[in-house]
Amino acid sequence: MNATICKAIEEKRVLELRYHGYSRIVEPHIHGEDKNGDEVVRCYQLAGGSESGERAGWKLLKIKDAVLVHLTETPFVPRPEYKRDDKVVIDVFCRI
């Protein structure tokens, strides 16, 4: 479990990270493991790059592919469209 991600979720603070070579600014909403045992975070990306070209929107990121996870001081308000019962995250470490 990544304690920085859980702290960001608990305190509703934005994370900055490098993922697949892109800098990303995200609002993390749920963190845990998927059915394959991969550590993942469902987040809303505010800015940065993406392999898909989508610079903003909901993302499911595998933590093993993230580097330089940084907790910022920027607060966020949980997105109203966030579904607390995320079917992809099987073993929940922390969530809003």
PDB file of N, CA and C in Angstrom:
ATOM      1  N   MET A   1       0.841  -1.189   0.000  1.00  0.00           N
ATOM      2  CA  MET A   1       0.000   0.000   0.000  1.00  0.00           C
ATOM      3  C   MET A   1       0.882   1.246   0.000  1.00  0.00           C
ATOM      4  N   ASN A   2       0.475   2.230  -0.766  1.00  0.00           N
ATOM      5  CA  ASN A   2       1.204   3.487  -0.837  1.00  0.00           C
ATOM      6  C   ASN A   2       0.589   4.474   0.161  1.00  0.00           C
ATOM      7  N   ALA A   3       1.300   4.741   1.242  1.00  0.00           N
ATOM      8  CA  ALA A   3       0.802   5.613   2.312  1.00  0.00           C
ATOM      9  C   ALA A   3       0.560   7.042   1.822  1.00  0.00           C
ATOM     10  N   THR A   4       1.340   7.502   0.862  1.00  0.00           N
ATOM     11  CA  THR A   4       1.161   8.856   0.333  1.00  0.00           C
ATOM     12  C   THR A   4      -0.189   8.983  -0.367  1.00  0.00           C
ATOM     13  N   ILE A   5      -0.572   7.954  -1.108  1.00  0.00           N
ATOM     14  CA  ILE A   5      -1.856   7.990  -1.811  1.00  0.00           C
ATOM     15  C   ILE A   5      -2.997   7.987  -0.807  1.00  0.00           C
ATOM     16  N   CYS A   6      -2.907   7.139   0.219  1.00  0.00           N
ATOM     17  CA  CYS A   6      -3.968   7.111   1.233  1.00  0.00           C
ATOM     18  C   CYS A   6      -4.062   8.431   1.987  1.00  0.00           C
ATOM     19  N   LYS A   7      -2.932   9.041   2.267  1.00  0.00           N
ATOM     20  CA  LYS A   7      -2.950  10.342   2.941  1.00  0.00           C
ATOM     21  C   LYS A   7      -3.645  11.379   2.056  1.00  0.00           C
ATOM     22  N   ALA A   8      -3.350  11.345   0.757  1.00  0.00           N
ATOM     23  CA  ALA A   8      -3.985  12.277  -0.177  1.00  0.00           C
ATOM     24  C   ALA A   8      -5.497  12.067  -0.205  1.00  0.00           C
ATOM     25  N   ILE A   9      -5.925  10.813  -0.197  1.00  0.00           N
ATOM     26  CA  ILE A   9      -7.356  10.512  -0.210  1.00  0.00           C
ATOM     27  C   ILE A   9      -8.008  10.962   1.089  1.00  0.00           C
ATOM     28  N   GLU A  10      -7.406  10.606   2.208  1.00  0.00           N
ATOM     29  CA  GLU A  10      -7.967  10.966   3.516  1.00  0.00           C
ATOM     30  C   GLU A  10      -8.067  12.474   3.701  1.00  0.00           C
ATOM     31  N   GLU A  11      -7.049  13.203   3.216  1.00  0.00           N
ATOM     32  CA  GLU A  11      -7.015  14.658   3.382  1.00  0.00           C
ATOM     33  C   GLU A  11      -7.571  15.402   2.166  1.00  0.00           C
ATOM     34  N   LYS A  12      -8.003  14.647   1.158  1.00  0.00           N
ATOM     35  CA  LYS A  12      -8.544  15.223  -0.084  1.00  0.00           C
ATOM     36  C   LYS A  12      -7.596  16.273  -0.653  1.00  0.00           C
ATOM     37  N   ARG A  13      -6.359  15.781  -0.944  1.00  0.00           N
ATOM     38  CA  ARG A  13      -5.331  16.641  -1.524  1.00  0.00           C
ATOM     39  C   ARG A  13      -4.865  16.075  -2.857  1.00  0.00           C
ATOM     40  N   VAL A  14      -4.543  16.945  -3.755  1.00  0.00           N
ATOM     41  CA  VAL A  14      -4.109  16.594  -5.106  1.00  0.00           C
ATOM     42  C   VAL A  14      -2.727  15.943  -5.071  1.00  0.00           C
ATOM     43  N   LEU A  15      -2.541  14.947  -5.959  1.00  0.00           N
ATOM     44  CA  LEU A  15      -1.241  14.306  -6.134  1.00  0.00           C
ATOM     45  C   LEU A  15      -0.631  14.732  -7.466  1.00  0.00           C
ATOM     46  N   GLU A  16       0.682  14.813  -7.467  1.00  0.00           N
ATOM     47  CA  GLU A  16       1.429  15.038  -8.703  1.00  0.00           C
ATOM     48  C   GLU A  16       2.316  13.813  -8.882  1.00  0.00           C
ATOM     49  N   LEU A  17       2.319  13.232 -10.075  1.00  0.00           N
ATOM     50  CA  LEU A  17       3.132  12.039 -10.293  1.00  0.00           C
ATOM     51  C   LEU A  17       3.586  11.928 -11.736  1.00  0.00           C
ATOM     52  N   ARG A  18       4.545  11.036 -11.944  1.00  0.00           N
ATOM     53  CA  ARG A  18       5.009  10.698 -13.293  1.00  0.00           C
ATOM     54  C   ARG A  18       4.457   9.316 -13.590  1.00  0.00           C
ATOM     55  N   TYR A  19       3.798   9.173 -14.740  1.00  0.00           N
ATOM     56  CA  TYR A  19       3.173   7.917 -15.106  1.00  0.00           C
ATOM     57  C   TYR A  19       3.345   7.706 -16.604  1.00  0.00           C
ATOM     58  N   HIS A  20       3.988   6.608 -16.965  1.00  0.00           N
ATOM     59  CA  HIS A  20       4.277   6.301 -18.371  1.00  0.00           C
ATOM     60  C   HIS A  20       4.966   7.467 -19.072  1.00  0.00           C
ATOM     61  N   GLY A  21       5.867   8.133 -18.347  1.00  0.00           N
ATOM     62  CA  GLY A  21       6.643   9.207 -18.930  1.00  0.00           C
ATOM     63  C   GLY A  21       5.979  10.575 -18.944  1.00  0.00           C
ATOM     64  N   TYR A  22       4.761  10.650 -18.413  1.00  0.00           N
ATOM     65  CA  TYR A  22       4.031  11.924 -18.405  1.00  0.00           C
ATOM     66  C   TYR A  22       3.858  12.424 -16.978  1.00  0.00           C
ATOM     67  N   SER A  23       3.924  13.737 -16.830  1.00  0.00           N
ATOM     68  CA  SER A  23       3.581  14.358 -15.563  1.00  0.00           C
ATOM     69  C   SER A  23       2.059  14.438 -15.509  1.00  0.00           C
ATOM     70  N   ARG A  24       1.482  14.086 -14.350  1.00  0.00           N
ATOM     71  CA  ARG A  24       0.028  14.125 -14.195  1.00  0.00           C
ATOM     72  C   ARG A  24      -0.334  14.757 -12.866  1.00  0.00           C
ATOM     73  N   ILE A  25      -1.404  15.517 -12.875  1.00  0.00           N
ATOM     74  CA  ILE A  25      -1.972  16.117 -11.673  1.00  0.00           C
ATOM     75  C   ILE A  25      -3.332  15.447 -11.483  1.00  0.00           C
ATOM     76  N   VAL A  26      -3.516  14.760 -10.331  1.00  0.00           N
ATOM     77  CA  VAL A  26      -4.722  13.955 -10.152  1.00  0.00           C
ATOM     78  C   VAL A  26      -5.366  14.145  -8.781  1.00  0.00           C
ATOM     79  N   GLU A  27      -6.667  13.894  -8.751  1.00  0.00           N
ATOM     80  CA  GLU A  27      -7.445  13.851  -7.511  1.00  0.00           C
ATOM     81  C   GLU A  27      -7.736  12.374  -7.225  1.00  0.00           C
ATOM     82  N   PRO A  28      -7.053  11.764  -6.269  1.00  0.00           N
ATOM     83  CA  PRO A  28      -7.275  10.337  -5.992  1.00  0.00           C
ATOM     84  C   PRO A  28      -8.566  10.118  -5.202  1.00  0.00           C
ATOM     85  N   HIS A  29      -9.339   9.106  -5.596  1.00  0.00           N
ATOM     86  CA  HIS A  29     -10.611   8.825  -4.927  1.00  0.00           C
ATOM     87  C   HIS A  29     -10.647   7.456  -4.251  1.00  0.00           C
ATOM     88  N   ILE A  30      -9.982   6.446  -4.825  1.00  0.00           N
ATOM     89  CA  ILE A  30      -9.940   5.112  -4.220  1.00  0.00           C
ATOM     90  C   ILE A  30      -8.615   4.440  -4.581  1.00  0.00           C
ATOM     91  N   HIS A  31      -8.081   3.715  -3.605  1.00  0.00           N
ATOM     92  CA  HIS A  31      -6.781   3.055  -3.769  1.00  0.00           C
ATOM     93  C   HIS A  31      -6.886   1.641  -3.221  1.00  0.00           C
ATOM     94  N   GLY A  32      -6.399   0.680  -3.992  1.00  0.00           N
ATOM     95  CA  GLY A  32      -6.443  -0.712  -3.543  1.00  0.00           C
ATOM     96  C   GLY A  32      -5.840  -1.632  -4.582  1.00  0.00           C
ATOM     97  N   GLU A  33      -6.301  -2.900  -4.582  1.00  0.00           N
ATOM     98  CA  GLU A  33      -5.803  -3.888  -5.538  1.00  0.00           C
ATOM     99  C   GLU A  33      -6.925  -4.326  -6.465  1.00  0.00           C
ATOM    100  N   ASP A  34      -6.554  -4.593  -7.718  1.00  0.00           N
ATOM    101  CA  ASP A  34      -7.528  -5.125  -8.664  1.00  0.00           C
ATOM    102  C   ASP A  34      -7.526  -6.654  -8.595  1.00  0.00           C
ATOM    103  N   LYS A  35      -8.283  -7.302  -9.463  1.00  0.00           N
ATOM    104  CA  LYS A  35      -8.422  -8.757  -9.412  1.00  0.00           C
ATOM    105  C   LYS A  35      -7.113  -9.495  -9.695  1.00  0.00           C
ATOM    106  N   ASN A  36      -6.159  -8.829 -10.327  1.00  0.00           N
ATOM    107  CA  ASN A  36      -4.856  -9.432 -10.621  1.00  0.00           C
ATOM    108  C   ASN A  36      -3.833  -9.190  -9.515  1.00  0.00           C
ATOM    109  N   GLY A  37      -4.243  -8.483  -8.462  1.00  0.00           N
ATOM    110  CA  GLY A  37      -3.329  -8.174  -7.371  1.00  0.00           C
ATOM    111  C   GLY A  37      -2.480  -6.944  -7.615  1.00  0.00           C
ATOM    112  N   ASP A  38      -2.776  -6.215  -8.696  1.00  0.00           N
ATOM    113  CA  ASP A  38      -2.035  -4.979  -8.980  1.00  0.00           C
ATOM    114  C   ASP A  38      -2.578  -3.850  -8.128  1.00  0.00           C
ATOM    115  N   GLU A  39      -1.677  -3.077  -7.556  1.00  0.00           N
ATOM    116  CA  GLU A  39      -2.060  -1.908  -6.770  1.00  0.00           C
ATOM    117  C   GLU A  39      -2.485  -0.807  -7.742  1.00  0.00           C
ATOM    118  N   VAL A  40      -3.704  -0.268  -7.546  1.00  0.00           N
ATOM    119  CA  VAL A  40      -4.262   0.725  -8.468  1.00  0.00           C
ATOM    120  C   VAL A  40      -4.857   1.900  -7.706  1.00  0.00           C
ATOM    121  N   VAL A  41      -5.012   3.005  -8.421  1.00  0.00           N
ATOM    122  CA  VAL A  41      -5.715   4.164  -7.872  1.00  0.00           C
ATOM    123  C   VAL A  41      -6.668   4.695  -8.945  1.00  0.00           C
ATOM    124  N   ARG A  42      -7.928   4.889  -8.559  1.00  0.00           N
ATOM    125  CA  ARG A  42      -8.903   5.525  -9.450  1.00  0.00           C
ATOM    126  C   ARG A  42      -8.851   7.006  -9.103  1.00  0.00           C
ATOM    127  N   CYS A  43      -8.600   7.807 -10.115  1.00  0.00           N
ATOM    128  CA  CYS A  43      -8.425   9.233  -9.872  1.00  0.00           C
ATOM    129  C   CYS A  43      -8.995  10.038 -11.022  1.00  0.00           C
ATOM    130  N   TYR A  44      -9.200  11.307 -10.750  1.00  0.00           N
ATOM    131  CA  TYR A  44      -9.611  12.236 -11.792  1.00  0.00           C
ATOM    132  C   TYR A  44      -8.387  13.060 -12.151  1.00  0.00           C
ATOM    133  N   GLN A  45      -7.968  12.970 -13.408  1.00  0.00           N
ATOM    134  CA  GLN A  45      -6.803  13.723 -13.855  1.00  0.00           C
ATOM    135  C   GLN A  45      -7.219  15.128 -14.248  1.00  0.00           C
ATOM    136  N   LEU A  46      -6.541  16.101 -13.645  1.00  0.00           N
ATOM    137  CA  LEU A  46      -6.817  17.514 -13.913  1.00  0.00           C
ATOM    138  C   LEU A  46      -5.973  18.054 -15.060  1.00  0.00           C
ATOM    139  N   ALA A  47      -4.720  17.594 -15.121  1.00  0.00           N
ATOM    140  CA  ALA A  47      -3.790  18.125 -16.116  1.00  0.00           C
ATOM    141  C   ALA A  47      -2.649  17.146 -16.316  1.00  0.00           C
ATOM    142  N   GLY A  48      -1.924  17.356 -17.391  1.00  0.00           N
ATOM    143  CA  GLY A  48      -0.770  16.529 -17.681  1.00  0.00           C
ATOM    144  C   GLY A  48      -0.977  15.728 -18.947  1.00  0.00           C
ATOM    145  N   GLY A  49      -0.037  14.841 -19.197  1.00  0.00           N
ATOM    146  CA  GLY A  49      -0.080  14.041 -20.411  1.00  0.00           C
ATOM    147  C   GLY A  49      -0.750  12.702 -20.207  1.00  0.00           C
ATOM    148  N   SER A  50      -0.934  11.996 -21.336  1.00  0.00           N
ATOM    149  CA  SER A  50      -1.562  10.683 -21.294  1.00  0.00           C
ATOM    150  C   SER A  50      -1.274   9.966 -22.603  1.00  0.00           C
ATOM    151  N   GLU A  51      -1.055   8.655 -22.535  1.00  0.00           N
ATOM    152  CA  GLU A  51      -0.837   7.884 -23.762  1.00  0.00           C
ATOM    153  C   GLU A  51      -2.045   7.950 -24.680  1.00  0.00           C
ATOM    154  N   SER A  52      -3.245   8.024 -24.087  1.00  0.00           N
ATOM    155  CA  SER A  52      -4.476   8.053 -24.873  1.00  0.00           C
ATOM    156  C   SER A  52      -4.745   9.435 -25.488  1.00  0.00           C
ATOM    157  N   GLY A  53      -4.029  10.444 -24.998  1.00  0.00           N
ATOM    158  CA  GLY A  53      -4.257  11.804 -25.473  1.00  0.00           C
ATOM    159  C   GLY A  53      -5.286  12.551 -24.634  1.00  0.00           C
ATOM    160  N   GLU A  54      -5.992  11.841 -23.758  1.00  0.00           N
ATOM    161  CA  GLU A  54      -6.962  12.487 -22.871  1.00  0.00           C
ATOM    162  C   GLU A  54      -6.211  13.109 -21.707  1.00  0.00           C
ATOM    163  N   ARG A  55      -6.188  14.410 -21.663  1.00  0.00           N
ATOM    164  CA  ARG A  55      -5.438  15.108 -20.624  1.00  0.00           C
ATOM    165  C   ARG A  55      -6.213  15.270 -19.337  1.00  0.00           C
ATOM    166  N   ALA A  56      -7.522  15.122 -19.382  1.00  0.00           N
ATOM    167  CA  ALA A  56      -8.347  15.248 -18.182  1.00  0.00           C
ATOM    168  C   ALA A  56      -9.425  14.167 -18.218  1.00  0.00           C
ATOM    169  N   GLY A  57      -9.834  13.745 -17.018  1.00  0.00           N
ATOM    170  CA  GLY A  57     -10.889  12.753 -16.923  1.00  0.00           C
ATOM    171  C   GLY A  57     -10.512  11.639 -15.964  1.00  0.00           C
ATOM    172  N   TRP A  58     -11.423  10.686 -15.819  1.00  0.00           N
ATOM    173  CA  TRP A  58     -11.207   9.566 -14.905  1.00  0.00           C
ATOM    174  C   TRP A  58     -10.156   8.625 -15.459  1.00  0.00           C
ATOM    175  N   LYS A  59      -9.260   8.192 -14.568  1.00  0.00           N
ATOM    176  CA  LYS A  59      -8.177   7.271 -14.924  1.00  0.00           C
ATOM    177  C   LYS A  59      -8.075   6.184 -13.853  1.00  0.00           C
ATOM    178  N   LEU A  60      -7.627   5.011 -14.268  1.00  0.00           N
ATOM    179  CA  LEU A  60      -7.249   3.944 -13.348  1.00  0.00           C
ATOM    180  C   LEU A  60      -5.765   3.712 -13.584  1.00  0.00           C
ATOM    181  N   LEU A  61      -4.949   4.078 -12.607  1.00  0.00           N
ATOM    182  CA  LEU A  61      -3.502   3.996 -12.757  1.00  0.00           C
ATOM    183  C   LEU A  61      -2.939   2.842 -11.933  1.00  0.00           C
ATOM    184  N   LYS A  62      -2.009   2.090 -12.530  1.00  0.00           N
ATOM    185  CA  LYS A  62      -1.294   1.040 -11.802  1.00  0.00           C
ATOM    186  C   LYS A  62      -0.106   1.688 -11.102  1.00  0.00           C
ATOM    187  N   ILE A  63      -0.033   1.486  -9.811  1.00  0.00           N
ATOM    188  CA  ILE A  63       0.987   2.144  -9.006  1.00  0.00           C
ATOM    189  C   ILE A  63       2.401   1.721  -9.410  1.00  0.00           C
ATOM    190  N   LYS A  64       2.575   0.476  -9.850  1.00  0.00           N
ATOM    191  CA  LYS A  64       3.910   0.024 -10.235  1.00  0.00           C
ATOM    192  C   LYS A  64       4.471   0.819 -11.413  1.00  0.00           C
ATOM    193  N   ASP A  65       3.601   1.482 -12.169  1.00  0.00           N
ATOM    194  CA  ASP A  65       4.037   2.289 -13.311  1.00  0.00           C
ATOM    195  C   ASP A  65       4.213   3.767 -12.968  1.00  0.00           C
ATOM    196  N   ALA A  66       3.954   4.128 -11.716  1.00  0.00           N
ATOM    197  CA  ALA A  66       4.067   5.525 -11.288  1.00  0.00           C
ATOM    198  C   ALA A  66       5.389   5.742 -10.565  1.00  0.00           C
ATOM    199  N   VAL A  67       5.981   6.891 -10.814  1.00  0.00           N
ATOM    200  CA  VAL A  67       7.198   7.283 -10.100  1.00  0.00           C
ATOM    201  C   VAL A  67       7.021   8.714  -9.615  1.00  0.00           C
ATOM    202  N   LEU A  68       7.780   9.069  -8.617  1.00  0.00           N
ATOM    203  CA  LEU A  68       7.757  10.434  -8.091  1.00  0.00           C
ATOM    204  C   LEU A  68       6.365  10.878  -7.657  1.00  0.00           C
ATOM    205  N   VAL A  69       5.700  10.059  -6.847  1.00  0.00           N
ATOM    206  CA  VAL A  69       4.387  10.433  -6.326  1.00  0.00           C
ATOM    207  C   VAL A  69       4.598  11.503  -5.261  1.00  0.00           C
ATOM    208  N   HIS A  70       3.977  12.661  -5.471  1.00  0.00           N
ATOM    209  CA  HIS A  70       4.173  13.812  -4.591  1.00  0.00           C
ATOM    210  C   HIS A  70       2.827  14.346  -4.109  1.00  0.00           C
ATOM    211  N   LEU A  71       2.675  14.450  -2.804  1.00  0.00           N
ATOM    212  CA  LEU A  71       1.469  15.006  -2.198  1.00  0.00           C
ATOM    213  C   LEU A  71       1.569  16.525  -2.206  1.00  0.00           C
ATOM    214  N   THR A  72       0.611  17.182  -2.835  1.00  0.00           N
ATOM    215  CA  THR A  72       0.626  18.646  -2.882  1.00  0.00           C
ATOM    216  C   THR A  72      -0.209  19.204  -1.727  1.00  0.00           C
ATOM    217  N   GLU A  73      -0.186  20.498  -1.579  1.00  0.00           N
ATOM    218  CA  GLU A  73      -1.003  21.179  -0.566  1.00  0.00           C
ATOM    219  C   GLU A  73      -2.381  21.548  -1.122  1.00  0.00           C
ATOM    220  N   THR A  74      -2.599  21.296  -2.400  1.00  0.00           N
ATOM    221  CA  THR A  74      -3.847  21.696  -3.054  1.00  0.00           C
ATOM    222  C   THR A  74      -4.997  20.770  -2.668  1.00  0.00           C
ATOM    223  N   PRO A  75      -6.056  21.325  -2.074  1.00  0.00           N
ATOM    224  CA  PRO A  75      -7.213  20.494  -1.713  1.00  0.00           C
ATOM    225  C   PRO A  75      -8.118  20.264  -2.931  1.00  0.00           C
ATOM    226  N   PHE A  76      -8.946  19.245  -2.840  1.00  0.00           N
ATOM    227  CA  PHE A  76      -9.962  19.034  -3.866  1.00  0.00           C
ATOM    228  C   PHE A  76     -11.267  18.584  -3.218  1.00  0.00           C
ATOM    229  N   VAL A  77     -12.339  18.780  -3.952  1.00  0.00           N
ATOM    230  CA  VAL A  77     -13.666  18.330  -3.535  1.00  0.00           C
ATOM    231  C   VAL A  77     -13.965  17.063  -4.313  1.00  0.00           C
ATOM    232  N   PRO A  78     -14.395  15.984  -3.643  1.00  0.00           N
ATOM    233  CA  PRO A  78     -14.697  14.742  -4.362  1.00  0.00           C
ATOM    234  C   PRO A  78     -15.679  14.977  -5.518  1.00  0.00           C
ATOM    235  N   ARG A  79     -15.444  14.312  -6.606  1.00  0.00           N
ATOM    236  CA  ARG A  79     -16.288  14.438  -7.792  1.00  0.00           C
ATOM    237  C   ARG A  79     -17.640  13.774  -7.541  1.00  0.00           C
ATOM    238  N   PRO A  80     -18.738  14.456  -7.869  1.00  0.00           N
ATOM    239  CA  PRO A  80     -20.070  13.885  -7.614  1.00  0.00           C
ATOM    240  C   PRO A  80     -20.330  12.597  -8.401  1.00  0.00           C
ATOM    241  N   GLU A  81     -19.658  12.420  -9.535  1.00  0.00           N
ATOM    242  CA  GLU A  81     -19.877  11.213 -10.336  1.00  0.00           C
ATOM    243  C   GLU A  81     -19.056  10.008  -9.852  1.00  0.00           C
ATOM    244  N   TYR A  82     -18.231  10.201  -8.836  1.00  0.00           N
ATOM    245  CA  TYR A  82     -17.430   9.114  -8.278  1.00  0.00           C
ATOM    246  C   TYR A  82     -18.344   8.041  -7.691  1.00  0.00           C
ATOM    247  N   LYS A  83     -18.070   6.786  -8.049  1.00  0.00           N
ATOM    248  CA  LYS A  83     -18.840   5.655  -7.539  1.00  0.00           C
ATOM    249  C   LYS A  83     -18.022   4.940  -6.468  1.00  0.00           C
ATOM    250  N   ARG A  84     -18.475   5.028  -5.257  1.00  0.00           N
ATOM    251  CA  ARG A  84     -17.773   4.450  -4.112  1.00  0.00           C
ATOM    252  C   ARG A  84     -17.614   2.937  -4.223  1.00  0.00           C
ATOM    253  N   ASP A  85     -18.534   2.278  -4.889  1.00  0.00           N
ATOM    254  CA  ASP A  85     -18.471   0.823  -5.034  1.00  0.00           C
ATOM    255  C   ASP A  85     -17.796   0.435  -6.356  1.00  0.00           C
ATOM    256  N   ASP A  86     -16.607   0.959  -6.577  1.00  0.00           N
ATOM    257  CA  ASP A  86     -15.821   0.703  -7.781  1.00  0.00           C
ATOM    258  C   ASP A  86     -15.595  -0.803  -7.926  1.00  0.00           C
ATOM    259  N   LYS A  87     -16.067  -1.391  -9.011  1.00  0.00           N
ATOM    260  CA  LYS A  87     -15.986  -2.845  -9.227  1.00  0.00           C
ATOM    261  C   LYS A  87     -14.581  -3.321  -9.584  1.00  0.00           C
ATOM    262  N   VAL A  88     -13.721  -2.429 -10.034  1.00  0.00           N
ATOM    263  CA  VAL A  88     -12.361  -2.811 -10.421  1.00  0.00           C
ATOM    264  C   VAL A  88     -11.461  -2.972  -9.196  1.00  0.00           C
ATOM    265  N   VAL A  89     -11.677  -2.136  -8.192  1.00  0.00           N
ATOM    266  CA  VAL A  89     -10.857  -2.191  -6.976  1.00  0.00           C
ATOM    267  C   VAL A  89     -11.486  -3.211  -6.030  1.00  0.00           C
ATOM    268  N   ILE A  90     -10.887  -4.389  -5.962  1.00  0.00           N
ATOM    269  CA  ILE A  90     -11.433  -5.517  -5.199  1.00  0.00           C
ATOM    270  C   ILE A  90     -11.079  -5.415  -3.715  1.00  0.00           C
ATOM    271  N   ASP A  91      -9.806  -5.134  -3.437  1.00  0.00           N
ATOM    272  CA  ASP A  91      -9.315  -5.009  -2.051  1.00  0.00           C
ATOM    273  C   ASP A  91      -8.992  -3.536  -1.810  1.00  0.00           C
ATOM    274  N   VAL A  92      -9.855  -2.847  -1.085  1.00  0.00           N
ATOM    275  CA  VAL A  92      -9.727  -1.406  -0.875  1.00  0.00           C
ATOM    276  C   VAL A  92      -8.791  -1.104   0.299  1.00  0.00           C
ATOM    277  N   PHE A  93      -7.792  -0.256   0.044  1.00  0.00           N
ATOM    278  CA  PHE A  93      -6.903   0.232   1.107  1.00  0.00           C
ATOM    279  C   PHE A  93      -7.478   1.497   1.733  1.00  0.00           C
ATOM    280  N   CYS A  94      -7.975   2.394   0.877  1.00  0.00           N
ATOM    281  CA  CYS A  94      -8.568   3.649   1.348  1.00  0.00           C
ATOM    282  C   CYS A  94      -9.418   4.220   0.229  1.00  0.00           C
ATOM    283  N   ARG A  95     -10.432   4.975   0.602  1.00  0.00           N
ATOM    284  CA  ARG A  95     -11.306   5.616  -0.374  1.00  0.00           C
ATOM    285  C   ARG A  95     -12.042   6.773   0.271  1.00  0.00           C
ATOM    286  N   ILE A  96     -12.550   7.623  -0.589  1.00  0.00           N
ATOM    287  CA  ILE A  96     -13.354   8.754  -0.123  1.00  0.00           C
ATOM    288  C   ILE A  96     -14.703   8.202   0.287  1.00  0.00           C
TER     289      ILE A  96
END
